[in-house]
Amino acid sequence: MKYYQCPVSQDIRINAYNEDCGLPVGCKSSASLKPMRTVHFPNDIVFQDYVRHGELERIGRFIRARRVNLETIYQSGMAAIHEAVLSGNLECVKLLVENGADIHQRDEEQWTPLHMACSDGFPDIARYLLSLGADPELENECGEKPADLIEPDNTELLELFGLAVND
């Protein structure tokens, strides 16, 4: 018996069916199939997804076409640069910064990209942000500086901030 997978699409086209996708094709009449429909998502939603997945080519196209504002705070409470840092993608962070993203951009909880790089353990991103002049003294809404968020076992970040403990 032949089965069809549930439709999942990268190009935002969705095939809709009346019946559960797990049923054999023989159990469905051709009349039960609905025509293909197109779903449109706002540019910001699509762009945020591209940033999360590090799709540099598509990110670049969106920026060049001026289809997004890099200062936008998304429903996640973060801007694109925060999303890129959280994904751990240094090349994506660089692309956003080269196209005008603010290295001191604050999210809803006043975290900067440097706070996130330190908290999530990305020394390469932290080093890059610091090389551009990111302020390590800025505090989030809880009064924490980026260095306060470094895990004790992350020696590379601790050394970067001059906090390495000598045994």
N, C-alpha and C. Protein backbone atom coordinates (compact mmCIF):
# COMPACT_ATOMS: atom_id res chain seq x y z
N MET A 1 0.83 -1.16 0.00
CA MET A 1 0.00 0.00 0.00
C MET A 1 0.88 1.24 0.00
N LYS A 2 0.51 2.27 -0.73
CA LYS A 2 1.31 3.47 -0.82
C LYS A 2 0.76 4.54 0.12
N TYR A 3 1.65 5.16 0.88
CA TYR A 3 1.28 6.23 1.79
C TYR A 3 1.95 7.52 1.34
N TYR A 4 1.32 8.64 1.60
CA TYR A 4 1.92 9.94 1.34
C TYR A 4 2.22 10.60 2.67
N GLN A 5 3.35 11.29 2.74
CA GLN A 5 3.71 12.00 3.96
C GLN A 5 2.85 13.24 4.10
N CYS A 6 2.70 13.67 5.35
CA CYS A 6 2.02 14.93 5.57
C CYS A 6 2.81 16.04 4.88
N PRO A 7 2.13 16.97 4.25
CA PRO A 7 2.85 18.03 3.53
C PRO A 7 3.51 19.00 4.49
N VAL A 8 4.78 19.18 4.32
CA VAL A 8 5.55 20.18 5.04
C VAL A 8 6.40 20.87 4.00
N SER A 9 6.40 22.17 4.00
CA SER A 9 7.05 22.85 2.90
C SER A 9 7.95 23.97 3.36
N GLN A 10 9.10 24.09 2.71
CA GLN A 10 10.01 25.19 2.97
C GLN A 10 9.58 26.44 2.21
N ASP A 11 8.89 26.26 1.10
CA ASP A 11 8.53 27.41 0.29
C ASP A 11 7.16 27.97 0.67
N ILE A 12 6.67 27.61 1.83
CA ILE A 12 5.47 28.14 2.42
C ILE A 12 4.23 27.83 1.57
N ARG A 13 4.25 26.72 0.88
CA ARG A 13 3.06 26.22 0.19
C ARG A 13 2.58 25.01 0.99
N ILE A 14 1.32 24.95 1.26
CA ILE A 14 0.77 23.88 2.08
C ILE A 14 -0.34 23.17 1.31
N ASN A 15 -0.21 21.86 1.23
CA ASN A 15 -1.28 21.06 0.65
C ASN A 15 -2.20 20.64 1.78
N ALA A 16 -3.47 20.91 1.64
CA ALA A 16 -4.42 20.58 2.71
C ALA A 16 -5.25 19.37 2.30
N TYR A 17 -5.50 18.47 3.27
CA TYR A 17 -6.29 17.28 3.04
C TYR A 17 -7.41 17.21 4.07
N ASN A 18 -8.55 16.64 3.68
CA ASN A 18 -9.65 16.44 4.62
C ASN A 18 -9.32 15.34 5.61
N GLU A 19 -8.67 14.30 5.14
CA GLU A 19 -8.41 13.12 5.95
C GLU A 19 -7.03 13.23 6.60
N ASP A 20 -6.80 12.39 7.60
CA ASP A 20 -5.50 12.32 8.25
C ASP A 20 -4.46 11.87 7.24
N CYS A 21 -3.28 12.46 7.28
CA CYS A 21 -2.23 12.16 6.30
C CYS A 21 -1.74 10.72 6.38
N GLY A 22 -2.01 10.02 7.46
CA GLY A 22 -1.52 8.66 7.62
C GLY A 22 -2.38 7.61 6.94
N LEU A 23 -3.50 7.98 6.36
CA LEU A 23 -4.37 7.00 5.73
C LEU A 23 -3.83 6.59 4.38
N PRO A 24 -4.02 5.34 4.01
CA PRO A 24 -3.58 4.91 2.67
C PRO A 24 -4.33 5.69 1.60
N VAL A 25 -3.64 5.95 0.49
CA VAL A 25 -4.23 6.72 -0.59
C VAL A 25 -5.50 6.05 -1.11
N GLY A 26 -5.54 4.72 -1.12
CA GLY A 26 -6.69 3.99 -1.62
C GLY A 26 -7.95 4.28 -0.82
N CYS A 27 -7.81 4.72 0.43
CA CYS A 27 -8.96 5.00 1.27
C CYS A 27 -9.52 6.39 1.04
N LYS A 28 -8.80 7.20 0.27
CA LYS A 28 -9.25 8.56 0.02
C LYS A 28 -9.82 8.64 -1.40
N SER A 29 -10.94 9.28 -1.52
CA SER A 29 -11.43 9.51 -2.87
C SER A 29 -10.78 10.76 -3.41
N SER A 30 -10.66 10.88 -4.69
CA SER A 30 -10.04 12.05 -5.27
C SER A 30 -10.84 13.31 -4.95
N ALA A 31 -12.09 13.16 -4.63
CA ALA A 31 -12.92 14.32 -4.28
C ALA A 31 -12.56 14.88 -2.90
N SER A 32 -11.89 14.08 -2.05
CA SER A 32 -11.57 14.56 -0.71
C SER A 32 -10.34 15.45 -0.68
N LEU A 33 -9.59 15.51 -1.77
CA LEU A 33 -8.39 16.35 -1.82
C LEU A 33 -8.79 17.80 -2.06
N LYS A 34 -8.22 18.68 -1.28
CA LYS A 34 -8.48 20.10 -1.47
C LYS A 34 -7.40 20.68 -2.38
N PRO A 35 -7.71 21.75 -3.07
CA PRO A 35 -6.69 22.36 -3.92
C PRO A 35 -5.56 22.97 -3.08
N MET A 36 -4.39 23.10 -3.68
CA MET A 36 -3.24 23.69 -3.00
C MET A 36 -3.56 25.15 -2.69
N ARG A 37 -3.12 25.59 -1.52
CA ARG A 37 -3.31 26.99 -1.16
C ARG A 37 -1.97 27.57 -0.74
N THR A 38 -1.86 28.85 -0.77
CA THR A 38 -0.64 29.54 -0.41
C THR A 38 -0.87 30.33 0.87
N VAL A 39 0.09 30.24 1.78
CA VAL A 39 0.03 30.99 3.02
C VAL A 39 1.15 32.02 2.97
N HIS A 40 0.83 33.23 3.31
CA HIS A 40 1.82 34.31 3.29
C HIS A 40 2.14 34.72 4.73
N PHE A 41 3.42 34.77 5.05
CA PHE A 41 3.86 35.20 6.36
C PHE A 41 4.50 36.59 6.21
N PRO A 42 4.39 37.42 7.23
CA PRO A 42 5.03 38.74 7.17
C PRO A 42 6.54 38.59 7.00
N ASN A 43 7.14 39.59 6.36
CA ASN A 43 8.58 39.56 6.11
C ASN A 43 9.39 39.33 7.39
N ASP A 44 8.98 39.97 8.49
CA ASP A 44 9.73 39.82 9.74
C ASP A 44 9.76 38.38 10.23
N ILE A 45 8.66 37.67 10.07
CA ILE A 45 8.59 36.27 10.52
C ILE A 45 9.51 35.41 9.67
N VAL A 46 9.47 35.61 8.37
CA VAL A 46 10.32 34.85 7.45
C VAL A 46 11.79 35.17 7.71
N PHE A 47 12.10 36.45 7.87
CA PHE A 47 13.47 36.88 8.11
C PHE A 47 14.00 36.28 9.42
N GLN A 48 13.19 36.32 10.47
CA GLN A 48 13.60 35.76 11.76
C GLN A 48 13.93 34.27 11.61
N ASP A 49 13.15 33.56 10.84
CA ASP A 49 13.41 32.15 10.60
C ASP A 49 14.73 31.95 9.85
N TYR A 50 14.98 32.79 8.86
CA TYR A 50 16.25 32.70 8.12
C TYR A 50 17.43 32.95 9.05
N VAL A 51 17.30 33.91 9.96
CA VAL A 51 18.38 34.21 10.90
C VAL A 51 18.60 33.02 11.83
N ARG A 52 17.54 32.45 12.36
CA ARG A 52 17.67 31.31 13.26
C ARG A 52 18.37 30.13 12.60
N HIS A 53 18.15 29.97 11.30
CA HIS A 53 18.74 28.85 10.57
C HIS A 53 20.02 29.23 9.84
N GLY A 54 20.48 30.47 9.99
CA GLY A 54 21.74 30.89 9.40
C GLY A 54 21.76 30.89 7.88
N GLU A 55 20.64 31.18 7.26
CA GLU A 55 20.57 31.20 5.80
C GLU A 55 21.08 32.54 5.28
N LEU A 56 22.41 32.64 5.20
CA LEU A 56 23.08 33.91 4.93
C LEU A 56 22.66 34.54 3.60
N GLU A 57 22.54 33.75 2.56
CA GLU A 57 22.15 34.28 1.26
C GLU A 57 20.78 34.94 1.33
N ARG A 58 19.83 34.28 1.94
CA ARG A 58 18.48 34.83 2.04
C ARG A 58 18.44 36.04 2.97
N ILE A 59 19.20 35.99 4.03
CA ILE A 59 19.28 37.14 4.94
C ILE A 59 19.78 38.35 4.18
N GLY A 60 20.84 38.15 3.40
CA GLY A 60 21.41 39.24 2.61
C GLY A 60 20.41 39.82 1.62
N ARG A 61 19.65 38.94 0.97
CA ARG A 61 18.63 39.42 0.01
C ARG A 61 17.58 40.27 0.70
N PHE A 62 17.12 39.84 1.86
CA PHE A 62 16.12 40.60 2.60
C PHE A 62 16.65 41.98 2.98
N ILE A 63 17.90 42.02 3.44
CA ILE A 63 18.48 43.29 3.87
C ILE A 63 18.67 44.21 2.67
N ARG A 64 19.23 43.67 1.57
CA ARG A 64 19.46 44.50 0.38
C ARG A 64 18.15 45.04 -0.20
N ALA A 65 17.10 44.27 -0.11
CA ALA A 65 15.80 44.69 -0.64
C ALA A 65 15.06 45.60 0.35
N ARG A 66 15.67 45.86 1.50
CA ARG A 66 15.08 46.70 2.54
C ARG A 66 13.69 46.22 2.95
N ARG A 67 13.59 44.90 3.08
CA ARG A 67 12.31 44.30 3.46
C ARG A 67 12.18 44.13 4.97
N VAL A 68 13.24 44.45 5.71
CA VAL A 68 13.22 44.32 7.17
C VAL A 68 13.96 45.47 7.80
N ASN A 69 13.66 45.70 9.07
CA ASN A 69 14.36 46.69 9.87
C ASN A 69 15.14 45.91 10.92
N LEU A 70 16.45 46.04 10.96
CA LEU A 70 17.28 45.26 11.87
C LEU A 70 17.07 45.63 13.34
N GLU A 71 16.39 46.72 13.61
CA GLU A 71 16.13 47.12 14.99
C GLU A 71 14.82 46.54 15.54
N THR A 72 14.05 45.87 14.69
CA THR A 72 12.77 45.32 15.11
C THR A 72 12.94 44.31 16.24
N ILE A 73 12.11 44.45 17.26
CA ILE A 73 12.05 43.47 18.33
C ILE A 73 10.90 42.53 17.99
N TYR A 74 11.19 41.25 17.82
CA TYR A 74 10.20 40.27 17.42
C TYR A 74 9.37 39.81 18.62
N GLN A 75 8.38 38.97 18.36
CA GLN A 75 7.54 38.46 19.45
C GLN A 75 8.36 37.68 20.47
N SER A 76 9.50 37.17 20.05
CA SER A 76 10.39 36.45 20.97
C SER A 76 11.00 37.39 22.00
N GLY A 77 10.87 38.71 21.77
CA GLY A 77 11.45 39.70 22.67
C GLY A 77 12.85 40.11 22.27
N MET A 78 13.32 39.59 21.14
CA MET A 78 14.69 39.86 20.70
C MET A 78 14.71 40.42 19.29
N ALA A 79 15.83 41.06 18.95
CA ALA A 79 16.07 41.53 17.59
C ALA A 79 16.84 40.45 16.82
N ALA A 80 17.03 40.67 15.53
CA ALA A 80 17.71 39.69 14.68
C ALA A 80 19.11 39.36 15.19
N ILE A 81 19.84 40.36 15.67
CA ILE A 81 21.21 40.10 16.14
C ILE A 81 21.20 39.17 17.35
N HIS A 82 20.20 39.30 18.21
CA HIS A 82 20.10 38.40 19.37
C HIS A 82 19.83 36.97 18.90
N GLU A 83 18.92 36.84 17.93
CA GLU A 83 18.61 35.52 17.37
C GLU A 83 19.86 34.89 16.78
N ALA A 84 20.66 35.68 16.06
CA ALA A 84 21.88 35.15 15.44
C ALA A 84 22.88 34.70 16.50
N VAL A 85 23.03 35.48 17.56
CA VAL A 85 23.94 35.10 18.64
C VAL A 85 23.47 33.79 19.28
N LEU A 86 22.18 33.69 19.57
CA LEU A 86 21.66 32.48 20.21
C LEU A 86 21.83 31.25 19.34
N SER A 87 21.87 31.43 18.03
CA SER A 87 22.10 30.29 17.14
C SER A 87 23.57 29.89 17.12
N GLY A 88 24.43 30.75 17.67
CA GLY A 88 25.86 30.46 17.71
C GLY A 88 26.54 30.64 16.36
N ASN A 89 25.91 31.37 15.46
CA ASN A 89 26.42 31.51 14.10
C ASN A 89 27.17 32.83 13.95
N LEU A 90 28.49 32.78 14.08
CA LEU A 90 29.32 33.98 13.99
C LEU A 90 29.18 34.66 12.63
N GLU A 91 29.12 33.89 11.56
CA GLU A 91 29.00 34.48 10.22
C GLU A 91 27.70 35.25 10.07
N CYS A 92 26.64 34.75 10.66
CA CYS A 92 25.35 35.44 10.61
C CYS A 92 25.43 36.74 11.42
N VAL A 93 26.05 36.69 12.59
CA VAL A 93 26.24 37.90 13.41
C VAL A 93 27.03 38.93 12.61
N LYS A 94 28.10 38.49 11.97
CA LYS A 94 28.92 39.42 11.18
C LYS A 94 28.12 40.05 10.05
N LEU A 95 27.34 39.25 9.36
CA LEU A 95 26.53 39.76 8.25
C LEU A 95 25.56 40.83 8.74
N LEU A 96 24.90 40.57 9.86
CA LEU A 96 23.95 41.54 10.40
C LEU A 96 24.66 42.83 10.82
N VAL A 97 25.79 42.70 11.49
CA VAL A 97 26.54 43.88 11.93
C VAL A 97 27.04 44.68 10.73
N GLU A 98 27.56 43.98 9.73
CA GLU A 98 28.05 44.67 8.52
C GLU A 98 26.95 45.43 7.80
N ASN A 99 25.71 45.01 8.04
CA ASN A 99 24.57 45.67 7.40
C ASN A 99 23.80 46.59 8.34
N GLY A 100 24.41 46.92 9.46
CA GLY A 100 23.84 47.96 10.31
C GLY A 100 23.23 47.52 11.63
N ALA A 101 23.27 46.24 11.97
CA ALA A 101 22.73 45.82 13.27
C ALA A 101 23.59 46.43 14.38
N ASP A 102 22.94 46.88 15.43
CA ASP A 102 23.59 47.55 16.55
C ASP A 102 24.12 46.52 17.55
N ILE A 103 25.42 46.57 17.81
CA ILE A 103 26.02 45.62 18.76
C ILE A 103 25.58 45.88 20.20
N HIS A 104 24.96 47.03 20.44
CA HIS A 104 24.44 47.36 21.77
C HIS A 104 22.92 47.26 21.84
N GLN A 105 22.30 46.67 20.80
CA GLN A 105 20.84 46.50 20.77
C GLN A 105 20.38 45.78 22.03
N ARG A 106 19.31 46.26 22.63
CA ARG A 106 18.76 45.65 23.85
C ARG A 106 17.51 44.84 23.49
N ASP A 107 17.35 43.69 24.15
CA ASP A 107 16.11 42.93 23.98
C ASP A 107 15.13 43.41 25.05
N GLU A 108 14.01 42.72 25.20
CA GLU A 108 13.00 43.15 26.16
C GLU A 108 13.47 43.11 27.61
N GLU A 109 14.48 42.32 27.90
CA GLU A 109 15.00 42.23 29.26
C GLU A 109 16.33 42.96 29.39
N GLN A 110 16.60 43.83 28.41
CA GLN A 110 17.79 44.68 28.39
C GLN A 110 19.10 43.91 28.19
N TRP A 111 19.00 42.72 27.62
CA TRP A 111 20.20 41.97 27.29
C TRP A 111 20.76 42.48 25.97
N THR A 112 22.08 42.62 25.93
CA THR A 112 22.77 42.96 24.68
C THR A 112 23.21 41.65 24.02
N PRO A 113 23.65 41.71 22.77
CA PRO A 113 24.20 40.50 22.15
C PRO A 113 25.38 39.92 22.95
N LEU A 114 26.17 40.79 23.58
CA LEU A 114 27.29 40.31 24.38
C LEU A 114 26.80 39.53 25.61
N HIS A 115 25.73 39.97 26.22
CA HIS A 115 25.14 39.20 27.33
C HIS A 115 24.82 37.79 26.86
N MET A 116 24.20 37.70 25.70
CA MET A 116 23.78 36.39 25.19
C MET A 116 24.96 35.51 24.81
N ALA A 117 25.97 36.11 24.21
CA ALA A 117 27.16 35.34 23.84
C ALA A 117 27.82 34.76 25.09
N CYS A 118 27.86 35.54 26.15
CA CYS A 118 28.47 35.07 27.40
C CYS A 118 27.59 34.02 28.07
N SER A 119 26.31 34.27 28.14
CA SER A 119 25.40 33.36 28.80
C SER A 119 25.34 32.00 28.11
N ASP A 120 25.37 32.02 26.79
CA ASP A 120 25.24 30.77 26.04
C ASP A 120 26.58 30.14 25.66
N GLY A 121 27.67 30.76 26.08
CA GLY A 121 28.98 30.16 25.91
C GLY A 121 29.54 30.21 24.50
N PHE A 122 29.50 31.38 23.86
CA PHE A 122 30.04 31.54 22.51
C PHE A 122 31.21 32.53 22.54
N PRO A 123 32.41 32.04 22.88
CA PRO A 123 33.56 32.94 22.99
C PRO A 123 33.94 33.63 21.68
N ASP A 124 33.78 32.96 20.54
CA ASP A 124 34.13 33.60 19.27
C ASP A 124 33.23 34.80 18.99
N ILE A 125 31.96 34.65 19.29
CA ILE A 125 31.03 35.76 19.08
C ILE A 125 31.32 36.88 20.08
N ALA A 126 31.57 36.53 21.32
CA ALA A 126 31.90 37.54 22.33
C ALA A 126 33.17 38.29 21.93
N ARG A 127 34.18 37.57 21.48
CA ARG A 127 35.43 38.19 21.05
C ARG A 127 35.17 39.16 19.90
N TYR A 128 34.37 38.74 18.93
CA TYR A 128 34.04 39.59 17.79
C TYR A 128 33.32 40.85 18.24
N LEU A 129 32.32 40.70 19.09
CA LEU A 129 31.57 41.87 19.57
C LEU A 129 32.46 42.82 20.35
N LEU A 130 33.33 42.28 21.19
CA LEU A 130 34.26 43.12 21.94
C LEU A 130 35.23 43.85 21.02
N SER A 131 35.66 43.18 19.94
CA SER A 131 36.58 43.82 19.00
C SER A 131 35.93 45.01 18.29
N LEU A 132 34.61 45.01 18.24
CA LEU A 132 33.87 46.12 17.62
C LEU A 132 33.49 47.20 18.63
N GLY A 133 33.85 46.97 19.89
CA GLY A 133 33.58 47.98 20.91
C GLY A 133 32.35 47.71 21.76
N ALA A 134 31.86 46.48 21.76
CA ALA A 134 30.72 46.16 22.64
C ALA A 134 31.11 46.46 24.09
N ASP A 135 30.21 47.10 24.81
CA ASP A 135 30.48 47.54 26.17
C ASP A 135 30.23 46.40 27.17
N PRO A 136 31.30 45.89 27.80
CA PRO A 136 31.13 44.80 28.77
C PRO A 136 30.57 45.26 30.11
N GLU A 137 30.36 46.57 30.28
CA GLU A 137 29.85 47.10 31.54
C GLU A 137 28.34 47.33 31.54
N LEU A 138 27.70 47.15 30.39
CA LEU A 138 26.25 47.35 30.34
C LEU A 138 25.54 46.27 31.15
N GLU A 139 24.51 46.67 31.86
CA GLU A 139 23.76 45.74 32.71
C GLU A 139 22.39 45.45 32.11
N ASN A 140 21.91 44.22 32.33
CA ASN A 140 20.55 43.88 31.92
C ASN A 140 19.60 44.35 33.02
N GLU A 141 18.31 44.05 32.90
CA GLU A 141 17.35 44.56 33.88
C GLU A 141 17.53 43.95 35.27
N CYS A 142 18.29 42.87 35.37
CA CYS A 142 18.59 42.26 36.67
C CYS A 142 19.90 42.77 37.25
N GLY A 143 20.52 43.72 36.56
CA GLY A 143 21.78 44.29 37.04
C GLY A 143 23.00 43.44 36.73
N GLU A 144 22.86 42.49 35.81
CA GLU A 144 23.98 41.62 35.46
C GLU A 144 24.75 42.17 34.26
N LYS A 145 26.06 42.11 34.36
CA LYS A 145 26.94 42.44 33.24
C LYS A 145 27.19 41.15 32.46
N PRO A 146 27.63 41.24 31.22
CA PRO A 146 27.89 40.01 30.45
C PRO A 146 28.79 39.01 31.17
N ALA A 147 29.85 39.49 31.79
CA ALA A 147 30.78 38.58 32.47
C ALA A 147 30.12 37.83 33.64
N ASP A 148 29.08 38.42 34.22
CA ASP A 148 28.37 37.77 35.32
C ASP A 148 27.63 36.51 34.87
N LEU A 149 27.42 36.37 33.56
CA LEU A 149 26.63 35.28 33.02
C LEU A 149 27.46 34.11 32.50
N ILE A 150 28.77 34.22 32.61
CA ILE A 150 29.67 33.18 32.11
C ILE A 150 29.67 31.99 33.06
N GLU A 151 29.52 30.80 32.48
CA GLU A 151 29.57 29.58 33.27
C GLU A 151 31.00 29.40 33.82
N PRO A 152 31.15 28.94 35.06
CA PRO A 152 32.47 28.81 35.68
C PRO A 152 33.43 27.88 34.93
N ASP A 153 32.90 26.94 34.14
CA ASP A 153 33.78 26.01 33.41
C ASP A 153 34.14 26.49 32.01
N ASN A 154 33.68 27.66 31.62
CA ASN A 154 33.99 28.19 30.29
C ASN A 154 35.26 29.04 30.39
N THR A 155 36.39 28.36 30.41
CA THR A 155 37.67 29.05 30.62
C THR A 155 37.99 30.04 29.51
N GLU A 156 37.59 29.74 28.29
CA GLU A 156 37.90 30.66 27.19
C GLU A 156 37.21 32.01 27.39
N LEU A 157 35.95 31.99 27.76
CA LEU A 157 35.25 33.25 28.02
C LEU A 157 35.79 33.94 29.27
N LEU A 158 36.07 33.17 30.30
CA LEU A 158 36.63 33.74 31.53
C LEU A 158 37.95 34.45 31.23
N GLU A 159 38.80 33.83 30.44
CA GLU A 159 40.08 34.44 30.07
C GLU A 159 39.85 35.70 29.24
N LEU A 160 38.88 35.65 28.34
CA LEU A 160 38.58 36.81 27.49
C LEU A 160 38.21 38.03 28.35
N PHE A 161 37.54 37.80 29.45
CA PHE A 161 37.13 38.89 30.34
C PHE A 161 38.11 39.09 31.50
N GLY A 162 39.24 38.38 31.45
CA GLY A 162 40.24 38.54 32.50
C GLY A 162 39.81 37.98 33.83
N LEU A 163 38.98 36.94 33.79
CA LEU A 163 38.45 36.37 35.03
C LEU A 163 38.93 34.96 35.31
N ALA A 164 39.88 34.48 34.52
CA ALA A 164 40.35 33.11 34.68
C ALA A 164 40.95 32.91 36.06
N VAL A 165 40.57 31.83 36.69
CA VAL A 165 41.08 31.51 38.02
C VAL A 165 42.30 30.63 37.85
N ASN A 166 43.41 31.03 38.45
CA ASN A 166 44.63 30.23 38.40
C ASN A 166 44.60 29.17 39.49
N ASP A 167 44.82 27.92 39.09
CA ASP A 167 44.79 26.82 40.08
C ASP A 167 46.06 26.74 40.83
